Amino acid sequence: MKSPRLVGATFLFMMPDWGESLREKLDQHYTWPALYTFKFIVPKGKESEVKNLFPMHESSERQSKNGNYTSITFQMMMPGSEAVINVYKQAYLIKGIIAL
């Protein structure tokens, strides 16, 4: 079992049912389409990989105290929970990423 990742106050385990659990929580809290905030923490040098997930959106960034990590935040209109989950699936392919 992989270690948990925090996404919107929900611990996700990369197990077969994590997507369904997240989908239920998203659908309970959002009326789609909705403006959704993605926030990621990435190791230094991985910023462009995250930005490539959102090529037409501006981001806000903040460096960690020691400069080893960058917090990157995007807001975008999402059509539904499945689209949000697909972004997280792509993000998890980036080594060392943490989703908040």
C-alpha atoms as a PDB file:
ATOM      1  CA  MET A   1       0.000   0.000   0.000  1.00  0.00           C
ATOM      2  CA  LYS A   2       1.318   3.446  -0.917  1.00  0.00           C
ATOM      3  CA  SER A   3       1.420   6.298   1.544  1.00  0.00           C
ATOM      4  CA  PRO A   4      -1.609   8.583   1.819  1.00  0.00           C
ATOM      5  CA  ARG A   5      -1.908  11.872  -0.030  1.00  0.00           C
ATOM      6  CA  LEU A   6      -4.011  14.727   1.252  1.00  0.00           C
ATOM      7  CA  VAL A   7      -6.506  16.110  -1.252  1.00  0.00           C
ATOM      8  CA  GLY A   8      -9.143  18.523  -0.056  1.00  0.00           C
ATOM      9  CA  ALA A   9      -8.990  17.121   3.500  1.00  0.00           C
ATOM     10  CA  THR A  10      -9.423  13.573   2.212  1.00  0.00           C
ATOM     11  CA  PHE A  11      -6.638  11.040   2.573  1.00  0.00           C
ATOM     12  CA  LEU A  12      -6.321   9.180  -0.674  1.00  0.00           C
ATOM     13  CA  PHE A  13      -4.677   5.824  -0.979  1.00  0.00           C
ATOM     14  CA  MET A  14      -3.721   4.821  -4.456  1.00  0.00           C
ATOM     15  CA  MET A  15      -6.067   1.874  -4.306  1.00  0.00           C
ATOM     16  CA  PRO A  16      -8.778   0.943  -6.811  1.00  0.00           C
ATOM     17  CA  ASP A  17     -11.587   2.711  -4.932  1.00  0.00           C
ATOM     18  CA  TRP A  18      -9.865   6.035  -4.146  1.00  0.00           C
ATOM     19  CA  GLY A  19     -11.429   7.699  -7.187  1.00  0.00           C
ATOM     20  CA  GLU A  20     -14.939   6.676  -6.244  1.00  0.00           C
ATOM     21  CA  SER A  21     -14.472   7.949  -2.693  1.00  0.00           C
ATOM     22  CA  LEU A  22     -13.195  11.298  -3.958  1.00  0.00           C
ATOM     23  CA  ARG A  23     -15.983  11.497  -6.554  1.00  0.00           C
ATOM     24  CA  GLU A  24     -18.611  11.085  -3.825  1.00  0.00           C
ATOM     25  CA  LYS A  25     -17.045  13.804  -1.675  1.00  0.00           C
ATOM     26  CA  LEU A  26     -16.663  16.206  -4.593  1.00  0.00           C
ATOM     27  CA  ASP A  27     -20.257  15.667  -5.695  1.00  0.00           C
ATOM     28  CA  GLN A  28     -21.482  16.307  -2.141  1.00  0.00           C
ATOM     29  CA  HIS A  29     -19.654  19.646  -1.894  1.00  0.00           C
ATOM     30  CA  TYR A  30     -19.838  21.062  -5.426  1.00  0.00           C
ATOM     31  CA  THR A  31     -22.554  21.858  -7.924  1.00  0.00           C
ATOM     32  CA  TRP A  32     -21.027  21.280 -11.353  1.00  0.00           C
ATOM     33  CA  PRO A  33     -19.725  23.057 -13.288  1.00  0.00           C
ATOM     34  CA  ALA A  34     -17.742  24.792 -10.545  1.00  0.00           C
ATOM     35  CA  LEU A  35     -14.571  26.739  -9.939  1.00  0.00           C
ATOM     36  CA  TYR A  36     -12.135  24.256  -8.394  1.00  0.00           C
ATOM     37  CA  THR A  37      -8.804  25.032  -6.740  1.00  0.00           C
ATOM     38  CA  PHE A  38      -5.902  22.664  -7.304  1.00  0.00           C
ATOM     39  CA  LYS A  39      -2.922  23.063  -4.990  1.00  0.00           C
ATOM     40  CA  PHE A  40       0.238  21.028  -5.319  1.00  0.00           C
ATOM     41  CA  ILE A  41       3.564  20.961  -3.542  1.00  0.00           C
ATOM     42  CA  VAL A  42       6.394  19.837  -5.784  1.00  0.00           C
ATOM     43  CA  PRO A  43      10.129  19.387  -5.373  1.00  0.00           C
ATOM     44  CA  LYS A  44      12.332  22.087  -6.855  1.00  0.00           C
ATOM     45  CA  GLY A  45      12.697  21.572 -10.600  1.00  0.00           C
ATOM     46  CA  LYS A  46       9.283  19.906 -11.075  1.00  0.00           C
ATOM     47  CA  GLU A  47       7.292  23.141 -11.411  1.00  0.00           C
ATOM     48  CA  SER A  48       7.086  22.995 -15.202  1.00  0.00           C
ATOM     49  CA  GLU A  49       5.665  19.464 -15.097  1.00  0.00           C
ATOM     50  CA  VAL A  50       2.775  20.678 -12.957  1.00  0.00           C
ATOM     51  CA  LYS A  51       2.236  23.782 -15.082  1.00  0.00           C
ATOM     52  CA  ASN A  52       2.007  21.551 -18.161  1.00  0.00           C
ATOM     53  CA  LEU A  53      -1.166  20.048 -16.642  1.00  0.00           C
ATOM     54  CA  PHE A  54      -2.753  23.515 -16.890  1.00  0.00           C
ATOM     55  CA  PRO A  55      -1.240  25.044 -20.046  1.00  0.00           C
ATOM     56  CA  MET A  56      -3.817  27.818 -20.435  1.00  0.00           C
ATOM     57  CA  HIS A  57      -4.155  28.828 -16.786  1.00  0.00           C
ATOM     58  CA  GLU A  58      -2.155  31.153 -14.599  1.00  0.00           C
ATOM     59  CA  SER A  59      -0.727  29.873 -11.358  1.00  0.00           C
ATOM     60  CA  SER A  60       0.328  31.369  -8.081  1.00  0.00           C
ATOM     61  CA  GLU A  61       3.550  30.037  -6.644  1.00  0.00           C
ATOM     62  CA  ARG A  62       5.306  30.152  -3.329  1.00  0.00           C
ATOM     63  CA  GLN A  63       8.730  28.783  -2.519  1.00  0.00           C
ATOM     64  CA  SER A  64       9.381  26.885   0.713  1.00  0.00           C
ATOM     65  CA  LYS A  65      11.612  28.495   3.310  1.00  0.00           C
ATOM     66  CA  ASN A  66      14.681  26.579   2.160  1.00  0.00           C
ATOM     67  CA  GLY A  67      13.732  26.645  -1.521  1.00  0.00           C
ATOM     68  CA  ASN A  68      13.460  22.860  -1.823  1.00  0.00           C
ATOM     69  CA  TYR A  69       9.741  22.865  -2.660  1.00  0.00           C
ATOM     70  CA  THR A  70       7.253  25.048  -4.481  1.00  0.00           C
ATOM     71  CA  SER A  71       3.561  25.371  -3.747  1.00  0.00           C
ATOM     72  CA  ILE A  72       1.601  25.875  -6.971  1.00  0.00           C
ATOM     73  CA  THR A  73      -2.085  26.806  -7.023  1.00  0.00           C
ATOM     74  CA  PHE A  74      -4.456  26.835 -10.001  1.00  0.00           C
ATOM     75  CA  GLN A  75      -8.126  27.706 -10.168  1.00  0.00           C
ATOM     76  CA  MET A  76     -10.178  26.520 -13.077  1.00  0.00           C
ATOM     77  CA  MET A  77     -13.752  25.880 -14.035  1.00  0.00           C
ATOM     78  CA  MET A  78     -14.325  22.133 -13.987  1.00  0.00           C
ATOM     79  CA  PRO A  79     -17.300  20.424 -15.652  1.00  0.00           C
ATOM     80  CA  GLY A  80     -17.588  17.665 -13.047  1.00  0.00           C
ATOM     81  CA  SER A  81     -15.918  15.418 -10.507  1.00  0.00           C
ATOM     82  CA  GLU A  82     -14.590  13.046 -13.186  1.00  0.00           C
ATOM     83  CA  ALA A  83     -12.568  15.889 -14.737  1.00  0.00           C
ATOM     84  CA  VAL A  84     -11.093  16.752 -11.320  1.00  0.00           C
ATOM     85  CA  ILE A  85     -10.146  13.122 -10.723  1.00  0.00           C
ATOM     86  CA  ASN A  86      -8.490  12.936 -14.149  1.00  0.00           C
ATOM     87  CA  VAL A  87      -6.280  15.915 -13.269  1.00  0.00           C
ATOM     88  CA  TYR A  88      -5.216  14.219 -10.039  1.00  0.00           C
ATOM     89  CA  LYS A  89      -4.455  10.996 -11.930  1.00  0.00           C
ATOM     90  CA  GLN A  90      -2.152  12.923 -14.266  1.00  0.00           C
ATOM     91  CA  ALA A  91      -0.571  14.806 -11.370  1.00  0.00           C
ATOM     92  CA  TYR A  92       0.280  11.614  -9.506  1.00  0.00           C
ATOM     93  CA  LEU A  93       2.607  10.683 -12.360  1.00  0.00           C
ATOM     94  CA  ILE A  94       4.932  13.508 -11.289  1.00  0.00           C
ATOM     95  CA  LYS A  95       7.505  12.132  -8.904  1.00  0.00           C
ATOM     96  CA  GLY A  96       7.400  13.677  -5.440  1.00  0.00           C
ATOM     97  CA  ILE A  97       4.163  15.633  -5.885  1.00  0.00           C
ATOM     98  CA  ILE A  98       1.806  16.221  -2.989  1.00  0.00           C
ATOM     99  CA  ALA A  99      -1.763  17.333  -3.664  1.00  0.00           C
ATOM    100  CA  LEU A 100      -3.554  19.451  -1.085  1.00  0.00           C
END
